[in-house]
């Protein structure tokens, strides 16, 4: 995170599905976000290119399709946001440091799995197995996102299901909200598993500055 604005924010999740989860802030289980970075198809398209979910050719195909049929762009955005929230609902209970908002969790874990499964099934139906010319490893390649209109949500839900299936839970963490963090999820791949913040340059630094201020106020000599 940088600040409470629409400025470009850090990509810190370590996986496309977590980068998607982190497009709102703060992240609280059952809580509303103060800021959402994906409020339009244009923002979704730019973000997808930035995290390299799509390449330049994909970008052109999606942009052209969405420009000619805005209703398809809105449909893709709605699908992406559903995938985002379902992914968070599935992963957050297992993320060290994830916080539940005061009004609790509004959706059941079963519902989140079902939403992901339905989106994944639709994406699988639009995917293709293409024979490979180089068969040193495998004889076919799975191509996800054959329809430009739904290419982005299709690739995101496949990434989300892959992560849900394979994530090492000891690596899954949430930036500690109770200590001034944002609640974003990330994979801690540090050698000793000591990463606490989404980004030390952002939440970690702000938390240190705040604690320093609190210590100074606590030790200040009152004026006579």
Protein backbone atom coordinates (compact mmCIF):
# COMPACT_ATOMS: atom_id res chain seq x y z
CA UNK A 1 0.00 0.00 0.00
CA UNK A 2 1.00 3.58 -0.42
CA UNK A 3 -1.74 5.82 0.90
CA UNK A 4 -5.51 6.22 0.88
CA UNK A 5 -5.69 7.29 -2.75
CA UNK A 6 -6.05 5.76 -6.18
CA UNK A 7 -2.30 5.94 -6.73
CA UNK A 8 -0.58 2.81 -8.01
CA UNK A 9 -0.15 0.40 -5.14
CA UNK A 10 2.42 -2.27 -4.42
CA UNK A 11 2.13 -5.83 -5.72
CA UNK A 12 3.14 -7.88 -2.69
CA UNK A 13 1.05 -11.08 -2.57
CA UNK A 14 3.49 -13.40 -4.28
CA UNK A 15 0.71 -14.99 -6.36
CA UNK A 16 -1.85 -13.56 -8.83
CA UNK A 17 -4.78 -14.73 -6.71
CA UNK A 18 -3.40 -12.94 -3.65
CA UNK A 19 -2.64 -9.84 -5.70
CA UNK A 20 -6.33 -9.90 -6.65
CA UNK A 21 -7.41 -10.26 -3.02
CA UNK A 22 -5.22 -7.25 -2.20
CA UNK A 23 -7.05 -4.83 -4.49
CA UNK A 24 -9.11 -3.59 -1.55
CA UNK A 25 -7.94 -2.08 1.72
CA UNK A 26 -8.14 -2.66 4.60
CA UNK A 27 -8.75 -6.40 4.47
CA UNK A 28 -10.91 -7.56 7.38
CA UNK A 29 -12.91 -10.77 7.45
CA UNK A 30 -16.52 -9.62 7.25
CA UNK A 31 -15.54 -5.95 7.07
CA UNK A 32 -16.13 -3.34 4.40
CA UNK A 33 -13.20 -1.88 2.47
CA UNK A 34 -12.33 1.81 2.56
CA UNK A 35 -10.73 1.69 -0.87
CA UNK A 36 -11.27 -0.53 -3.90
CA UNK A 37 -8.75 -0.39 -6.74
CA UNK A 38 -10.96 -2.31 -9.20
CA UNK A 39 -14.09 -0.24 -9.72
CA UNK A 40 -14.15 -0.21 -13.52
CA UNK A 41 -13.23 -2.48 -16.44
CA UNK A 42 -10.45 -0.05 -17.37
CA UNK A 43 -8.85 -0.43 -13.93
CA UNK A 44 -9.18 -4.21 -14.15
CA UNK A 45 -7.54 -4.26 -17.58
CA UNK A 46 -4.62 -2.06 -16.48
CA UNK A 47 -4.10 -4.07 -13.29
CA UNK A 48 -4.13 -7.38 -15.21
CA UNK A 49 -1.43 -6.11 -17.54
CA UNK A 50 0.61 -4.81 -14.62
CA UNK A 51 0.72 -8.17 -12.82
CA UNK A 52 1.46 -9.88 -16.17
CA UNK A 53 -1.74 -11.93 -16.11
CA UNK A 54 -2.12 -10.87 -19.75
CA UNK A 55 0.39 -9.84 -22.38
CA UNK A 56 0.21 -7.07 -24.97
CA UNK A 57 -1.67 -9.24 -27.45
CA UNK A 58 -4.22 -10.30 -24.82
CA UNK A 59 -4.60 -6.69 -23.74
CA UNK A 60 -5.49 -5.60 -27.27
CA UNK A 61 -8.01 -8.41 -27.73
CA UNK A 62 -9.73 -7.79 -24.41
CA UNK A 63 -9.75 -4.01 -24.79
CA UNK A 64 -11.23 -4.24 -28.29
CA UNK A 65 -13.92 -6.69 -27.17
CA UNK A 66 -14.87 -4.67 -24.12
CA UNK A 67 -14.92 -1.39 -26.06
CA UNK A 68 -17.32 -2.80 -28.63
CA UNK A 69 -19.52 -4.48 -25.99
CA UNK A 70 -19.44 -2.57 -22.67
CA UNK A 71 -21.94 -4.98 -21.14
CA UNK A 72 -19.37 -7.77 -21.51
CA UNK A 73 -16.78 -5.62 -19.76
CA UNK A 74 -19.11 -5.07 -16.81
CA UNK A 75 -19.89 -8.79 -16.70
CA UNK A 76 -16.17 -9.60 -16.56
CA UNK A 77 -15.66 -7.07 -13.77
CA UNK A 78 -18.51 -8.55 -11.71
CA UNK A 79 -17.10 -12.05 -12.21
CA UNK A 80 -13.64 -10.89 -11.14
CA UNK A 81 -14.95 -9.27 -7.97
CA UNK A 82 -16.87 -12.42 -7.07
CA UNK A 83 -13.71 -14.48 -7.56
CA UNK A 84 -11.77 -11.98 -5.45
CA UNK A 85 -14.12 -12.16 -2.49
CA UNK A 86 -14.57 -15.93 -2.68
CA UNK A 87 -10.81 -16.43 -2.77
CA UNK A 88 -10.36 -14.24 0.28
CA UNK A 89 -13.17 -15.98 2.16
CA UNK A 90 -11.56 -19.36 1.46
CA UNK A 91 -7.99 -18.40 2.34
CA UNK A 92 -8.34 -15.85 5.16
CA UNK A 93 -9.34 -18.34 7.91
CA UNK A 94 -5.99 -20.09 7.37
CA UNK A 95 -3.86 -16.94 7.11
CA UNK A 96 -1.80 -16.10 10.18
CA UNK A 97 -2.81 -12.66 11.42
CA UNK A 98 -6.13 -12.33 9.57
CA UNK A 99 -8.64 -10.31 11.61
CA UNK A 100 -12.42 -10.68 11.82
CA UNK A 101 -14.35 -7.40 11.71
CA UNK A 102 -16.65 -6.47 14.59
CA UNK A 103 -19.75 -7.32 12.56
CA UNK A 104 -18.43 -10.79 11.82
CA UNK A 105 -18.12 -12.87 8.68
CA UNK A 106 -21.11 -12.53 6.38
CA UNK A 107 -20.58 -15.52 4.10
CA UNK A 108 -20.00 -19.16 4.92
CA UNK A 109 -16.87 -21.00 3.89
CA UNK A 110 -19.02 -23.50 1.99
CA UNK A 111 -20.58 -20.72 -0.04
CA UNK A 112 -17.14 -19.35 -0.93
CA UNK A 113 -15.95 -22.74 -2.17
CA UNK A 114 -19.14 -23.11 -4.21
CA UNK A 115 -18.70 -19.70 -5.84
CA UNK A 116 -15.12 -20.50 -6.76
CA UNK A 117 -16.11 -23.90 -8.09
CA UNK A 118 -18.86 -22.48 -10.31
CA UNK A 119 -16.52 -19.85 -11.77
CA UNK A 120 -13.79 -22.45 -12.26
CA UNK A 121 -16.20 -24.80 -14.06
CA UNK A 122 -17.20 -22.03 -16.46
CA UNK A 123 -13.54 -21.17 -17.10
CA UNK A 124 -12.69 -24.83 -17.72
CA UNK A 125 -15.47 -25.03 -20.31
CA UNK A 126 -13.81 -22.16 -22.20
CA UNK A 127 -10.31 -23.68 -22.02
CA UNK A 128 -8.60 -25.83 -24.63
CA UNK A 129 -5.93 -28.53 -24.79
CA UNK A 130 -3.53 -27.69 -27.61
CA UNK A 131 -1.01 -30.30 -28.85
CA UNK A 132 2.60 -29.26 -28.27
CA UNK A 133 5.23 -29.39 -30.98
CA UNK A 134 7.98 -29.73 -28.36
CA UNK A 135 7.05 -32.84 -26.42
CA UNK A 136 10.00 -33.01 -24.06
CA UNK A 137 7.56 -32.34 -21.21
CA UNK A 138 3.97 -33.30 -21.87
CA UNK A 139 2.16 -33.64 -25.17
CA UNK A 140 -0.38 -30.82 -24.80
CA UNK A 141 -0.74 -27.34 -23.32
CA UNK A 142 -3.79 -26.09 -21.42
CA UNK A 143 -4.86 -22.71 -22.78
CA UNK A 144 -7.07 -20.79 -20.35
CA UNK A 145 -8.90 -17.73 -21.60
CA UNK A 146 -9.93 -18.50 -25.15
CA UNK A 147 -12.76 -15.95 -24.99
CA UNK A 148 -11.46 -12.35 -24.80
CA UNK A 149 -14.65 -11.21 -23.05
CA UNK A 150 -13.98 -13.47 -20.02
CA UNK A 151 -10.24 -14.01 -20.41
CA UNK A 152 -9.25 -12.12 -17.27
CA UNK A 153 -11.70 -13.67 -14.77
CA UNK A 154 -11.09 -17.11 -16.30
CA UNK A 155 -7.35 -16.90 -15.72
CA UNK A 156 -7.84 -15.48 -12.25
CA UNK A 157 -10.16 -18.22 -11.07
CA UNK A 158 -7.85 -20.93 -12.42
CA UNK A 159 -4.99 -19.26 -10.53
CA UNK A 160 -7.14 -19.04 -7.39
CA UNK A 161 -8.10 -22.71 -7.46
CA UNK A 162 -4.47 -23.68 -8.08
CA UNK A 163 -3.43 -21.67 -5.03
CA UNK A 164 -6.21 -23.06 -2.83
CA UNK A 165 -5.10 -26.57 -3.78
CA UNK A 166 -1.37 -26.13 -3.30
CA UNK A 167 -0.67 -23.27 -0.87
CA UNK A 168 1.76 -24.00 1.96
CA UNK A 169 -0.24 -22.73 4.91
CA UNK A 170 2.86 -21.96 6.95
CA UNK A 171 3.67 -19.32 4.31
CA UNK A 172 0.20 -17.74 4.17
CA UNK A 173 0.04 -14.55 6.21
CA UNK A 174 -2.01 -11.40 6.63
CA UNK A 175 -0.48 -7.98 7.21
CA UNK A 176 -1.40 -7.41 10.90
CA UNK A 177 -4.31 -4.97 11.09
CA UNK A 178 -4.21 -4.84 14.88
CA UNK A 179 -0.66 -3.50 14.66
CA UNK A 180 -1.43 -0.93 11.99
CA UNK A 181 -1.22 -3.14 8.90
CA UNK A 182 -3.67 -3.39 6.01
CA UNK A 183 -4.78 -7.02 6.25
CA UNK A 184 -3.46 -7.91 2.79
CA UNK A 185 -2.55 -11.56 2.25
CA UNK A 186 0.90 -12.63 1.12
CA UNK A 187 3.18 -15.63 0.92
CA UNK A 188 6.11 -15.44 3.31
CA UNK A 189 8.92 -17.12 1.40
CA UNK A 190 11.68 -15.69 3.58
CA UNK A 191 14.30 -18.20 4.69
CA UNK A 192 13.36 -18.05 8.37
CA UNK A 193 9.65 -17.29 7.93
CA UNK A 194 9.96 -13.92 9.66
CA UNK A 195 8.13 -11.60 7.25
CA UNK A 196 5.35 -9.74 9.11
CA UNK A 197 4.23 -6.96 6.80
CA UNK A 198 2.85 -6.78 3.28
CA UNK A 199 5.74 -4.40 2.59
CA UNK A 200 8.21 -3.07 5.13
CA UNK A 201 8.40 0.16 3.11
CA UNK A 202 4.69 0.79 3.70
CA UNK A 203 2.80 -0.77 6.59
CA UNK A 204 5.93 -1.84 8.46
CA UNK A 205 7.47 1.63 8.37
CA UNK A 206 4.22 3.34 9.38
CA UNK A 207 3.81 0.97 12.32
CA UNK A 208 7.36 1.67 13.50
CA UNK A 209 6.83 5.42 13.24
CA UNK A 210 3.58 5.19 15.18
CA UNK A 211 5.15 3.08 17.95
CA UNK A 212 8.06 5.49 18.20
CA UNK A 213 5.63 8.38 18.62
CA UNK A 214 3.74 6.49 21.31
CA UNK A 215 6.95 5.77 23.24
CA UNK A 216 8.03 9.40 23.02
CA UNK A 217 4.67 10.62 24.29
CA UNK A 218 4.76 8.08 27.11
CA UNK A 219 8.21 9.20 28.28
CA UNK A 220 7.77 12.91 27.72
CA UNK A 221 8.30 15.09 30.81
CA UNK A 222 5.06 16.99 31.51
CA UNK A 223 5.35 20.77 31.38
CA UNK A 224 5.25 22.53 34.75
